[in-house]
Protein backbone atom coordinates (compact mmCIF):
# COMPACT_ATOMS: atom_id res chain seq x y z
CA UNK A 1 14.62 14.03 -3.17
CA UNK A 2 11.94 13.44 -5.79
CA UNK A 3 13.60 10.15 -6.74
CA UNK A 4 13.55 9.01 -3.10
CA UNK A 5 9.82 9.74 -2.86
CA UNK A 6 9.24 7.68 -6.04
CA UNK A 7 11.00 4.56 -4.73
CA UNK A 8 8.72 1.91 -3.27
CA UNK A 9 10.43 1.57 0.09
CA UNK A 10 7.45 1.90 2.46
CA UNK A 11 5.32 -0.95 3.81
CA UNK A 12 1.81 -1.03 2.31
CA UNK A 13 -0.90 0.74 4.25
CA UNK A 14 -4.01 -1.02 5.51
CA UNK A 15 -6.02 0.68 2.75
CA UNK A 16 -3.63 -0.54 0.04
CA UNK A 17 -3.91 -4.10 1.35
CA UNK A 18 -7.70 -3.84 1.58
CA UNK A 19 -7.96 -2.45 -1.97
CA UNK A 20 -5.82 -5.32 -3.26
CA UNK A 21 -7.98 -7.80 -1.38
CA UNK A 22 -11.16 -6.36 -2.94
CA UNK A 23 -9.62 -7.07 -6.35
CA UNK A 24 -8.90 -10.68 -5.34
CA UNK A 25 -5.19 -10.06 -4.89
CA UNK A 26 -4.34 -12.03 -1.74
CA UNK A 27 -1.30 -14.06 -0.62
CA UNK A 28 -2.06 -17.70 -1.40
CA UNK A 29 0.34 -20.61 -1.16
CA UNK A 30 -0.75 -23.55 -3.30
CA UNK A 31 1.58 -25.81 -1.30
CA UNK A 32 -0.08 -24.86 2.00
CA UNK A 33 -3.55 -25.54 0.58
CA UNK A 34 -2.28 -28.81 -0.88
CA UNK A 35 -0.87 -29.98 2.45
CA UNK A 36 -4.12 -29.24 4.27
CA UNK A 37 -6.11 -31.02 1.56
CA UNK A 38 -3.75 -34.02 1.54
CA UNK A 39 -3.78 -34.31 5.32
CA UNK A 40 -7.58 -34.20 5.46
CA UNK A 41 -7.80 -36.68 2.57
CA UNK A 42 -5.54 -39.18 4.38
CA UNK A 43 -7.46 -38.71 7.61
CA UNK A 44 -10.80 -39.13 5.81
CA UNK A 45 -9.49 -42.20 4.00
CA UNK A 46 -8.56 -43.83 7.29
CA UNK A 47 -11.91 -42.97 8.85
CA UNK A 48 -13.90 -44.11 5.82
CA UNK A 49 -11.74 -47.16 5.14
CA UNK A 50 -14.20 -49.63 6.71
CA UNK A 51 -17.15 -48.02 4.92
CA UNK A 52 -15.36 -48.09 1.53
CA UNK A 53 -14.12 -51.65 2.08
CA UNK A 54 -17.63 -52.93 2.78
CA UNK A 55 -18.99 -51.45 -0.44
CA UNK A 56 -16.04 -52.76 -2.45
CA UNK A 57 -16.55 -56.23 -1.02
CA UNK A 58 -20.26 -55.99 -1.85
CA UNK A 59 -19.40 -54.99 -5.42
CA UNK A 60 -16.94 -57.87 -5.83
CA UNK A 61 -19.46 -60.37 -4.44
CA UNK A 62 -22.10 -58.95 -6.78
CA UNK A 63 -19.83 -59.49 -9.79
CA UNK A 64 -18.99 -63.07 -8.75
CA UNK A 65 -22.67 -63.82 -8.21
CA UNK A 66 -23.32 -62.98 -11.84
CA UNK A 67 -20.67 -65.38 -13.17
CA UNK A 68 -22.25 -68.53 -14.65
CA UNK A 69 -25.64 -67.78 -13.18
CA UNK A 70 -26.97 -64.96 -15.32
CA UNK A 71 -27.27 -64.54 -19.04
CA UNK A 72 -25.62 -61.35 -20.26
CA UNK A 73 -28.57 -59.63 -21.83
CA UNK A 74 -29.03 -55.91 -22.41
CA UNK A 75 -31.10 -55.58 -19.23
CA UNK A 76 -28.49 -57.49 -17.22
CA UNK A 77 -25.67 -55.24 -18.44
CA UNK A 78 -27.80 -52.20 -17.65
CA UNK A 79 -28.37 -53.48 -14.08
CA UNK A 80 -24.66 -54.16 -13.64
CA UNK A 81 -23.84 -50.65 -14.85
CA UNK A 82 -26.42 -49.08 -12.51
CA UNK A 83 -25.24 -51.06 -9.47
CA UNK A 84 -21.59 -50.34 -10.27
CA UNK A 85 -22.22 -46.62 -10.71
CA UNK A 86 -24.26 -46.44 -7.51
CA UNK A 87 -21.63 -48.21 -5.42
CA UNK A 88 -18.84 -46.17 -7.03
CA UNK A 89 -20.61 -42.92 -6.15
CA UNK A 90 -21.29 -44.12 -2.60
CA UNK A 91 -17.57 -44.84 -2.21
CA UNK A 92 -16.22 -41.71 -3.90
CA UNK A 93 -18.65 -38.92 -2.99
CA UNK A 94 -17.99 -38.80 0.80
CA UNK A 95 -14.23 -38.67 0.25
CA UNK A 96 -14.60 -36.10 -2.55
CA UNK A 97 -16.79 -33.84 -0.41
CA UNK A 98 -14.33 -33.97 2.48
CA UNK A 99 -11.42 -33.14 0.15
CA UNK A 100 -13.37 -30.28 -1.46
CA UNK A 101 -14.29 -28.82 1.92
CA UNK A 102 -10.69 -29.14 3.10
CA UNK A 103 -9.54 -27.21 0.02
CA UNK A 104 -11.93 -24.37 0.90
CA UNK A 105 -10.80 -24.43 4.53
CA UNK A 106 -7.17 -24.31 3.38
CA UNK A 107 -7.89 -21.11 1.46
CA UNK A 108 -9.91 -19.61 4.33
CA UNK A 109 -7.05 -20.34 6.76
CA UNK A 110 -4.70 -18.24 4.61
CA UNK A 111 -6.74 -15.14 3.76
CA UNK A 112 -10.25 -15.58 5.18
CA UNK A 113 -13.53 -15.41 3.30
CA UNK A 114 -13.33 -13.55 0.00
CA UNK A 115 -15.81 -13.42 -2.87
CA UNK A 116 -14.54 -11.75 -5.99
CA UNK A 117 -15.47 -12.18 -9.66
CA UNK A 118 -12.34 -10.54 -11.11
CA UNK A 119 -10.47 -13.84 -11.13
CA UNK A 120 -13.12 -15.57 -13.27
CA UNK A 121 -13.89 -12.59 -15.49
CA UNK A 122 -12.82 -13.18 -19.12
CA UNK A 123 -9.57 -11.44 -19.99
CA UNK A 124 -9.14 -11.42 -23.76
CA UNK A 125 -5.54 -10.22 -23.53
CA UNK A 126 -4.69 -13.69 -22.21
CA UNK A 127 -5.65 -15.09 -25.63
CA UNK A 128 -2.69 -13.30 -27.18
CA UNK A 129 -0.28 -16.10 -28.24
CA UNK A 130 2.77 -13.82 -28.06
CA UNK A 131 2.03 -12.84 -24.46
CA UNK A 132 1.32 -16.48 -23.68
CA UNK A 133 4.71 -17.56 -25.00
CA UNK A 134 6.43 -14.81 -23.01
CA UNK A 135 4.72 -16.01 -19.84
CA UNK A 136 5.52 -19.63 -20.65
CA UNK A 137 9.25 -18.99 -21.01
CA UNK A 138 9.59 -16.26 -18.39
CA UNK A 139 12.12 -16.35 -15.55
CA UNK A 140 9.30 -16.67 -13.04
CA UNK A 141 7.96 -19.81 -14.75
CA UNK A 142 11.48 -21.27 -14.90
CA UNK A 143 11.99 -20.71 -11.18
CA UNK A 144 8.58 -22.25 -10.46
CA UNK A 145 9.50 -25.30 -12.53
CA UNK A 146 12.84 -25.69 -10.75
CA UNK A 147 11.15 -25.29 -7.36
CA UNK A 148 8.45 -27.86 -8.19
CA UNK A 149 11.00 -30.34 -9.54
CA UNK A 150 13.19 -29.98 -6.46
CA UNK A 151 10.26 -30.50 -4.09
CA UNK A 152 8.99 -33.50 -6.04
CA UNK A 153 12.37 -35.20 -6.26
CA UNK A 154 13.13 -34.57 -2.58
CA UNK A 155 9.74 -35.89 -1.43
CA UNK A 156 9.87 -38.93 -3.71
CA UNK A 157 13.49 -39.59 -2.79
CA UNK A 158 12.78 -39.64 0.93
CA UNK A 159 9.64 -41.69 0.34
CA UNK A 160 11.56 -44.21 -1.78
CA UNK A 161 14.24 -44.50 0.91
CA UNK A 162 11.68 -45.55 3.53
CA UNK A 163 9.93 -47.79 1.00
CA UNK A 164 13.24 -49.50 0.31
CA UNK A 165 13.71 -50.10 4.05
CA UNK A 166 10.25 -51.64 4.26
CA UNK A 167 10.94 -54.00 1.34
CA UNK A 168 13.66 -55.63 3.44
CA UNK A 169 10.94 -56.84 5.80
CA UNK A 170 9.03 -58.62 3.01
CA UNK A 171 10.69 -62.06 3.51
CA UNK A 172 9.52 -62.04 7.12
CA UNK A 173 6.08 -60.65 6.25
CA UNK A 174 5.63 -63.43 3.68
CA UNK A 175 5.43 -65.88 6.60
CA UNK A 176 2.43 -64.00 8.11
CA UNK A 177 -1.16 -64.95 7.49
CA UNK A 178 -3.19 -62.84 5.08
CA UNK A 179 -4.81 -60.72 7.82
CA UNK A 180 -1.43 -59.83 9.38
CA UNK A 181 0.05 -59.09 5.97
CA UNK A 182 -2.75 -56.63 5.23
CA UNK A 183 -2.34 -55.05 8.67
CA UNK A 184 1.41 -54.65 8.06
CA UNK A 185 0.75 -53.13 4.65
CA UNK A 186 -1.79 -50.61 6.05
CA UNK A 187 0.55 -49.66 8.90
CA UNK A 188 3.53 -49.05 6.58
CA UNK A 189 1.36 -47.14 4.10
CA UNK A 190 0.16 -44.82 6.85
CA UNK A 191 3.71 -44.26 8.14
CA UNK A 192 4.98 -43.62 4.61
CA UNK A 193 2.11 -41.20 3.91
CA UNK A 194 2.75 -39.28 7.14
CA UNK A 195 6.48 -39.04 6.41
CA UNK A 196 5.87 -37.66 2.94
CA UNK A 197 3.17 -35.35 4.34
CA UNK A 198 5.68 -34.03 6.88
CA UNK A 199 8.23 -33.30 4.12
CA UNK A 200 5.59 -31.60 1.99
CA UNK A 201 4.48 -29.64 5.07
CA UNK A 202 8.00 -28.24 5.55
CA UNK A 203 8.07 -27.11 1.92
CA UNK A 204 4.58 -25.62 2.37
CA UNK A 205 5.67 -23.52 5.35
CA UNK A 206 8.69 -22.25 3.41
CA UNK A 207 6.50 -21.51 0.38
CA UNK A 208 3.94 -19.70 2.56
CA UNK A 209 6.63 -17.44 4.01
CA UNK A 210 8.04 -16.70 0.55
CA UNK A 211 4.60 -16.04 -0.95
CA UNK A 212 3.64 -13.62 1.81
CA UNK A 213 6.97 -11.80 1.56
CA UNK A 214 6.65 -11.45 -2.21
CA UNK A 215 3.04 -10.31 -1.81
CA UNK A 216 3.84 -7.50 0.61
CA UNK A 217 6.97 -6.56 -1.37
CA UNK A 218 4.82 -6.14 -4.48
CA UNK A 219 2.42 -3.92 -2.54
CA UNK A 220 5.14 -1.65 -1.17
CA UNK A 221 4.47 2.04 -1.71
CA UNK A 222 6.50 5.13 -2.33
CA UNK A 223 6.35 8.06 0.07
CA UNK A 224 4.46 10.04 -2.56
CA UNK A 225 1.85 7.30 -2.90
CA UNK A 226 1.31 7.34 0.86
CA UNK A 227 0.89 11.12 0.79
CA UNK A 228 -1.59 10.86 -2.09
CA UNK A 229 -3.52 8.17 -0.24
CA UNK A 230 -3.71 10.31 2.88
CA UNK A 231 -5.01 13.19 0.80
CA UNK A 232 -7.68 10.99 -0.74
CA UNK A 233 -8.71 9.59 2.65
CA UNK A 234 -8.70 12.85 4.58
CA UNK A 235 -9.44 15.17 1.70
CA UNK A 236 -7.11 17.48 -0.17
CA UNK A 237 -6.28 20.46 2.12
CA UNK A 238 -6.89 22.86 -0.75
CA UNK A 239 -10.30 21.36 -1.44
CA UNK A 240 -11.17 21.31 2.27
CA UNK A 241 -10.11 24.94 2.53
CA UNK A 242 -12.28 25.82 -0.47
CA UNK A 243 -15.25 23.99 1.06
CA UNK A 244 -14.80 25.83 4.36
CA UNK A 245 -14.60 29.09 2.45
CA UNK A 246 -17.86 28.35 0.61
CA UNK A 247 -19.53 27.36 3.88
CA UNK A 248 -18.38 30.57 5.55
CA UNK A 249 -19.64 32.62 2.64
CA UNK A 250 -23.04 30.90 2.81
CA UNK A 251 -23.18 31.42 6.57
CA UNK A 252 -22.22 35.08 6.20
CA UNK A 253 -24.88 35.53 3.54
CA UNK A 254 -27.55 34.07 5.83
CA UNK A 255 -26.30 36.24 8.67
CA UNK A 256 -26.49 39.41 6.59
CA UNK A 257 -30.02 38.51 5.53
CA UNK A 258 -31.10 38.50 9.20
CA UNK A 259 -29.84 42.03 9.99
CA UNK A 260 -32.93 43.86 8.61
CA UNK A 261 -35.05 41.80 11.04
CA UNK A 262 -32.94 42.80 14.07
CA UNK A 263 -34.22 45.15 16.80
CA UNK A 264 -30.89 46.86 17.38
CA UNK A 265 -27.22 46.80 16.45
CA UNK A 266 -24.84 47.38 19.38
CA UNK A 267 -21.43 48.76 18.39
CA UNK A 268 -17.99 49.46 19.86
CA UNK A 269 -18.43 51.94 17.91
CA UNK A 270 -15.88 51.06 15.16
CA UNK A 271 -14.37 47.64 15.83
CA UNK A 272 -17.39 45.52 16.85
CA UNK A 273 -21.03 45.29 15.79
CA UNK A 274 -23.62 42.83 17.16
CA UNK A 275 -27.23 42.63 15.91
CA UNK A 276 -29.85 41.61 18.51
CA UNK A 277 -33.40 40.38 17.95
CA UNK A 278 -36.01 39.40 20.53
CA UNK A 279 -39.28 37.60 19.82
CA UNK A 280 -40.88 36.51 23.09
CA UNK A 281 -43.15 34.09 21.21
CA UNK A 282 -40.22 32.11 19.79
CA UNK A 283 -37.32 32.45 22.25
CA UNK A 284 -37.04 32.91 25.98
CA UNK A 285 -34.20 35.47 25.58
CA UNK A 286 -32.86 37.78 22.88
CA UNK A 287 -30.63 36.14 20.27
CA UNK A 288 -27.62 37.36 18.32
CA UNK A 289 -28.56 37.29 14.62
CA UNK A 290 -25.29 38.75 13.32
CA UNK A 291 -21.91 39.86 14.59
CA UNK A 292 -18.60 40.99 13.16
CA UNK A 293 -15.54 43.09 13.67
CA UNK A 294 -13.63 45.66 11.63
CA UNK A 295 -14.75 45.36 7.98
CA UNK A 296 -17.63 43.02 8.85
CA UNK A 297 -18.82 45.45 11.54
CA UNK A 298 -18.92 48.24 8.97
CA UNK A 299 -21.03 46.04 6.64
CA UNK A 300 -23.46 45.20 9.46
CA UNK A 301 -23.94 48.86 10.35
CA UNK A 302 -24.39 49.76 6.67
CA UNK A 303 -27.18 47.21 6.20
CA UNK A 304 -28.78 48.31 9.50
CA UNK A 305 -28.89 51.94 8.32
CA UNK A 306 -30.38 50.91 4.97
CA UNK A 307 -33.23 49.13 6.80
CA UNK A 308 -33.72 51.67 9.62
CA UNK A 309 -32.45 49.36 12.35
CA UNK A 310 -31.33 51.27 15.45
CA UNK A 311 -27.57 51.46 16.04
CA UNK A 312 -26.46 52.11 19.63
CA UNK A 313 -22.96 52.57 20.97
CA UNK A 314 -22.15 50.46 24.03
CA UNK A 315 -18.50 49.30 23.80
CA UNK A 316 -18.44 47.02 26.90
CA UNK A 317 -21.66 45.27 25.91
CA UNK A 318 -20.63 44.99 22.24
CA UNK A 319 -17.32 43.37 23.20
CA UNK A 320 -19.01 41.01 25.67
CA UNK A 321 -21.65 39.92 23.22
CA UNK A 322 -19.10 39.37 20.45
CA UNK A 323 -16.85 37.27 22.70
CA UNK A 324 -19.50 35.21 24.53
CA UNK A 325 -22.39 34.59 22.12
CA UNK A 326 -22.35 32.78 18.79
CA UNK A 327 -24.69 33.73 15.96
CA UNK A 328 -28.24 32.33 16.37
CA UNK A 329 -27.65 31.71 20.09
CA UNK A 330 -29.44 33.25 23.06
CA UNK A 331 -27.57 35.75 25.21
CA UNK A 332 -26.39 34.47 28.63
CA UNK A 333 -28.16 35.45 31.83
CA UNK A 334 -25.36 37.72 33.01
CA UNK A 335 -26.04 40.01 30.03
CA UNK A 336 -29.84 40.05 30.41
CA UNK A 337 -29.93 43.34 32.33
CA UNK A 338 -27.66 45.25 29.96
CA UNK A 339 -29.46 44.00 26.87
CA UNK A 340 -32.85 44.67 28.46
CA UNK A 341 -31.90 48.32 28.99
CA UNK A 342 -30.91 48.62 25.33
CA UNK A 343 -34.09 46.96 24.10
CA UNK A 344 -36.20 49.10 26.42
CA UNK A 345 -34.65 52.20 24.92
CA UNK A 346 -35.23 50.90 21.36
CA UNK A 347 -38.83 49.93 22.10
CA UNK A 348 -39.40 53.39 23.56
CA UNK A 349 -37.97 54.97 20.42
CA UNK A 350 -40.22 52.73 18.31
CA UNK A 351 -43.17 53.40 20.62
CA UNK A 352 -43.64 49.69 21.37
């Protein structure tokens, strides 16, 4: 039975998943992020193609304008470098920003927003060369290498097959004018890119399913771990019982401290004892300052005698007060008359 409770057969709880997430442990498929990034990059390339072409043409024209017309001095070379760098950045930065944003969106699509510094925190144990060699030649790394090789060969193989089909059209395309040849080339490149993207997308979906399954399998819990987690969340019953006991003791202590201030203690005479106090300046009706039964009733009467508090026997009233009124609460209206008679008697005895 103990062995069964130690086996990790239960699905992870929401708290276990949330704790893992706080540590940066989330299911992430690199293939899925790669597909999203590649798709956005192709789409951005198509949309920015005219913009990039114009700047490339400008750069080529700029280079040709320098040929034979300008002496290659230090200032000239500096200007060429500045213009080249500026145009290169204008061409590359928009595409780079789109690709970077798509990479972030690919991660957000898988596990939402998460900021955690554990992943970038220095871990000196990773500098251990022996551990590094073990990780390098582990079964997991071997399987990853086989998986990557299979995906690459399959994608390249299918891509090469379609490329080979397109090469058969080259004799006919050679008869086109330059504009039509470029249009044919762009069309085939887009088709080839979409085909390869589709193949990579299939592998990404498979990888995403596998990654998520492995993730939740690694987080599986034993029955004992679930019990311990419930105890931590709800509180250990023993600790809760101890806290309640301390609270009751403190409440009883406060209650006993109020008995000397009471006007009267009404008893059963042996089983119940209820201490009553009335201060017309503070409350609209008498309040119960203490109550108890059996052993507690004996303690209440003992303290009352020690402080000269009147003790009167009225079994029906004592039982009613004990059952209907909590400590530090006013008595209900239906008991006003009975309590008033008792207080009148006490006040008469005290010559109030």
